Amino acid sequence: MFNMIGITIFSLVVLFFSIVIHEIAHGSVALWLGDSTAKREGRLTLNPLKHVDPFGTIILPAILLLVTAGQGPIFGWAKPVPINPYNFKDQRWGSLKVALAGPAVNFVIAIIFGLAIRFIPLPDSLFIPFSLITIYNFLWGLFNLVPVPPLDGSHILFALLPRGAQAVKSFLSQYGLVLLLLVIFFGVDFLVSIASILYFFVTGGKPLY
């Protein structure tokens, strides 16, 4: 059985590798589109040391861990995969495809593990890890769709905005970090609610560990 300490530790592990896979998805789609920057710099790997960002991977999760007394949710990010959009074969939609790849892979992982919970009678030793993987991947995918730099949602928004919307891009780029911190500290409950709805929908109403 998992105790709260075990759940917290496993949640951190799940969060980190969900972030790593998310970044690898960005780099892989960029490579498919003709940009090998991430591959050349050795970032298309599951080696965690290649993806650690001092603030996003260590400091922020540690702060949230202390502030929430280990109850979470705990957020963070990895070092962004380097991408050169000028190398893309698809100059019009290449950046959009790369931005969508990260959240998409998180949603796919969440759905796969959520359906396993729904249709396979899992023992607690697997049910708890599977449920954590499901909820955190839904949550991480949703979080990255928030249209605030440097999250993927901002790149998606910028790709879809008309050229005359430069003022919106400038505002979001200038105040992105402030807006991101506001989302982390004041918008997380809303994201958790949506992630929970998706979890219960995919798992058929199974309890969250």
Protein backbone atom coordinates (compact mmCIF):
# COMPACT_ATOMS: atom_id res chain seq x y z
CA MET A 1 0.00 0.00 0.00
CA PHE A 2 1.11 3.57 -0.68
CA ASN A 3 1.20 6.01 2.24
CA MET A 4 1.05 9.78 1.72
CA ILE A 5 4.82 10.09 1.61
CA GLY A 6 5.00 7.37 -1.04
CA ILE A 7 2.23 9.04 -3.06
CA THR A 8 4.01 12.40 -2.86
CA ILE A 9 7.34 10.96 -3.97
CA PHE A 10 5.75 9.00 -6.80
CA SER A 11 3.78 12.09 -7.85
CA LEU A 12 7.02 14.04 -8.19
CA VAL A 13 8.54 11.24 -10.27
CA VAL A 14 5.43 11.06 -12.49
CA LEU A 15 5.38 14.83 -12.90
CA PHE A 16 9.03 14.99 -13.88
CA PHE A 17 8.90 12.20 -16.44
CA SER A 18 5.61 13.54 -17.83
CA ILE A 19 7.43 16.83 -18.38
CA VAL A 20 10.43 15.07 -19.96
CA ILE A 21 8.24 13.10 -22.37
CA HIS A 22 6.39 16.33 -23.14
CA GLU A 23 9.66 18.03 -24.13
CA ILE A 24 10.82 15.03 -26.15
CA ALA A 25 7.55 15.22 -28.10
CA HIS A 26 8.30 18.84 -29.01
CA GLY A 27 11.80 17.94 -30.18
CA SER A 28 10.65 14.87 -32.09
CA VAL A 29 8.00 16.76 -34.06
CA ALA A 30 10.54 19.52 -34.75
CA LEU A 31 12.93 16.85 -36.09
CA TRP A 32 10.13 15.44 -38.26
CA LEU A 33 9.59 18.96 -39.62
CA GLY A 34 13.28 19.34 -40.50
CA ASP A 35 14.84 20.91 -37.40
CA SER A 36 17.51 18.70 -35.80
CA THR A 37 18.57 21.20 -33.11
CA ALA A 38 17.19 19.17 -30.19
CA LYS A 39 18.70 15.97 -31.53
CA ARG A 40 22.14 17.55 -32.01
CA GLU A 41 22.10 18.82 -28.43
CA GLY A 42 21.18 15.39 -27.04
CA ARG A 43 17.73 16.39 -25.79
CA LEU A 44 15.72 13.59 -27.40
CA THR A 45 16.47 11.31 -24.44
CA LEU A 46 14.79 10.13 -21.24
CA ASN A 47 17.97 10.90 -19.31
CA PRO A 48 16.59 13.28 -16.64
CA LEU A 49 19.88 15.16 -16.24
CA LYS A 50 19.53 16.49 -19.78
CA HIS A 51 16.22 18.18 -18.94
CA VAL A 52 16.68 19.63 -15.44
CA ASP A 53 15.86 23.33 -15.06
CA PRO A 54 17.12 24.64 -11.67
CA PHE A 55 14.02 26.71 -10.91
CA GLY A 56 11.26 24.83 -12.72
CA THR A 57 12.42 21.30 -11.88
CA ILE A 58 13.83 21.74 -8.37
CA ILE A 59 13.08 25.04 -6.64
CA LEU A 60 9.41 25.60 -7.61
CA PRO A 61 8.26 21.99 -6.90
CA ALA A 62 10.09 22.14 -3.54
CA ILE A 63 8.34 25.42 -2.65
CA LEU A 64 4.93 24.02 -3.64
CA LEU A 65 5.69 20.84 -1.71
CA LEU A 66 6.32 22.88 1.45
CA VAL A 67 3.46 25.35 0.91
CA THR A 68 0.90 22.58 0.37
CA ALA A 69 2.37 20.36 3.11
CA GLY A 70 2.90 17.62 0.56
CA GLN A 71 -0.76 17.61 -0.51
CA GLY A 72 -0.14 19.17 -3.92
CA PRO A 73 -0.84 19.73 -6.67
CA ILE A 74 2.81 20.26 -7.50
CA PHE A 75 3.91 21.97 -10.68
CA GLY A 76 7.18 22.51 -12.45
CA TRP A 77 8.83 22.40 -15.82
CA ALA A 78 11.91 21.07 -17.54
CA LYS A 79 14.47 22.99 -19.55
CA PRO A 80 12.75 23.76 -22.88
CA VAL A 81 13.93 21.75 -25.86
CA PRO A 82 15.89 24.01 -28.25
CA ILE A 83 14.04 24.53 -31.51
CA ASN A 84 14.83 26.63 -34.58
CA PRO A 85 11.55 27.26 -36.43
CA TYR A 86 13.42 28.63 -39.45
CA ASN A 87 14.43 25.04 -40.23
CA PHE A 88 10.83 23.82 -40.46
CA LYS A 89 9.63 22.51 -43.80
CA ASP A 90 6.19 23.86 -42.88
CA GLN A 91 6.83 27.52 -42.12
CA ARG A 92 3.14 28.38 -41.78
CA TRP A 93 2.04 25.77 -39.26
CA GLY A 94 5.30 24.19 -38.06
CA SER A 95 5.43 26.10 -34.77
CA LEU A 96 1.79 25.24 -34.09
CA LYS A 97 2.43 21.53 -34.67
CA VAL A 98 5.45 21.55 -32.36
CA ALA A 99 3.52 23.40 -29.65
CA LEU A 100 0.58 20.99 -29.84
CA ALA A 101 2.84 17.92 -29.66
CA GLY A 102 3.68 18.31 -25.96
CA PRO A 103 0.15 18.54 -24.53
CA ALA A 104 -1.04 15.93 -27.06
CA VAL A 105 1.41 13.29 -25.83
CA ASN A 106 0.38 13.98 -22.22
CA PHE A 107 -3.29 13.51 -23.10
CA VAL A 108 -2.49 10.27 -24.96
CA ILE A 109 -0.60 8.90 -21.93
CA ALA A 110 -3.45 9.92 -19.62
CA ILE A 111 -6.07 8.25 -21.82
CA ILE A 112 -4.06 5.01 -22.15
CA PHE A 113 -3.55 4.64 -18.40
CA GLY A 114 -7.08 5.86 -17.66
CA LEU A 115 -8.61 3.23 -19.95
CA ALA A 116 -6.42 0.59 -18.29
CA ILE A 117 -7.94 1.63 -14.95
CA ARG A 118 -11.41 1.41 -16.45
CA PHE A 119 -11.17 -1.97 -18.14
CA ILE A 120 -8.49 -3.91 -16.22
CA PRO A 121 -9.03 -5.02 -12.60
CA LEU A 122 -5.84 -3.58 -11.13
CA PRO A 123 -4.43 -4.32 -7.67
CA ASP A 124 -3.68 -1.32 -5.43
CA SER A 125 0.00 -1.68 -6.26
CA LEU A 126 -0.85 -0.70 -9.86
CA PHE A 127 -4.11 1.22 -9.43
CA ILE A 128 -2.51 4.03 -7.42
CA PRO A 129 0.44 4.55 -9.81
CA PHE A 130 -1.87 4.35 -12.84
CA SER A 131 -4.26 6.90 -11.36
CA LEU A 132 -1.42 9.29 -10.54
CA ILE A 133 -0.03 8.95 -14.06
CA THR A 134 -3.49 9.62 -15.49
CA ILE A 135 -4.36 12.68 -13.41
CA TYR A 136 -0.93 14.30 -13.65
CA ASN A 137 -0.74 13.90 -17.41
CA PHE A 138 -4.20 15.40 -17.82
CA LEU A 139 -3.18 18.22 -15.50
CA TRP A 140 0.15 18.85 -17.21
CA GLY A 141 -1.46 18.83 -20.65
CA LEU A 142 -4.11 21.33 -19.53
CA PHE A 143 -1.58 23.53 -17.76
CA ASN A 144 0.50 23.83 -20.92
CA LEU A 145 -2.53 24.89 -22.95
CA VAL A 146 -2.86 28.07 -20.87
CA PRO A 147 -1.99 30.88 -23.34
CA VAL A 148 0.75 32.45 -21.24
CA PRO A 149 4.45 32.48 -22.21
CA PRO A 150 6.46 30.33 -22.06
CA LEU A 151 3.71 27.68 -22.05
CA ASP A 152 2.67 25.91 -25.25
CA GLY A 153 -0.68 27.65 -25.20
CA SER A 154 1.02 30.95 -25.96
CA HIS A 155 2.75 29.50 -29.04
CA ILE A 156 -0.56 28.04 -30.19
CA LEU A 157 -2.27 31.39 -29.66
CA PHE A 158 0.50 33.33 -31.43
CA ALA A 159 0.29 30.96 -34.41
CA LEU A 160 -3.46 31.52 -34.71
CA LEU A 161 -3.61 35.28 -34.06
CA PRO A 162 -3.80 37.60 -37.07
CA ARG A 163 -0.73 39.69 -37.86
CA GLY A 164 -2.45 42.79 -36.52
CA ALA A 165 -2.52 41.39 -32.99
CA GLN A 166 1.08 42.32 -32.20
CA ALA A 167 -0.03 44.25 -29.11
CA VAL A 168 -1.44 41.06 -27.57
CA LYS A 169 1.79 39.19 -28.29
CA SER A 170 3.89 41.99 -26.82
CA PHE A 171 1.79 42.18 -23.65
CA LEU A 172 1.87 38.44 -23.03
CA SER A 173 5.58 38.23 -23.79
CA GLN A 174 6.40 41.14 -21.48
CA TYR A 175 4.32 39.96 -18.51
CA GLY A 176 4.46 36.23 -19.17
CA LEU A 177 6.35 35.25 -16.00
CA VAL A 178 4.05 37.29 -13.76
CA LEU A 179 0.96 35.83 -15.41
CA LEU A 180 2.44 32.33 -15.16
CA LEU A 181 2.98 32.69 -11.40
CA LEU A 182 -0.60 33.97 -11.02
CA VAL A 183 -1.86 30.90 -12.88
CA ILE A 184 0.24 28.58 -10.70
CA PHE A 185 -0.88 30.08 -7.40
CA PHE A 186 -4.47 31.09 -8.20
CA GLY A 187 -5.60 29.05 -11.20
CA VAL A 188 -4.45 25.57 -10.22
CA ASP A 189 -7.72 24.60 -8.50
CA PHE A 190 -9.61 25.27 -11.73
CA LEU A 191 -7.17 23.17 -13.76
CA VAL A 192 -7.35 20.38 -11.16
CA SER A 193 -11.15 20.42 -11.44
CA ILE A 194 -11.02 20.02 -15.22
CA ALA A 195 -8.35 17.30 -14.95
CA SER A 196 -10.50 15.48 -12.39
CA ILE A 197 -13.52 15.61 -14.69
CA LEU A 198 -11.43 14.15 -17.51
CA TYR A 199 -10.05 11.50 -15.15
CA PHE A 200 -13.51 10.37 -14.02
CA PHE A 201 -14.82 10.43 -17.58
CA VAL A 202 -12.01 8.25 -18.96
CA THR A 203 -11.85 5.86 -15.98
CA GLY A 204 -15.62 5.46 -15.77
CA GLY A 205 -15.93 7.15 -12.41
CA LYS A 206 -13.17 5.22 -10.62
CA PRO A 207 -11.87 6.93 -7.46
CA LEU A 208 -8.60 8.86 -7.64
CA TYR A 209 -6.31 6.56 -5.64
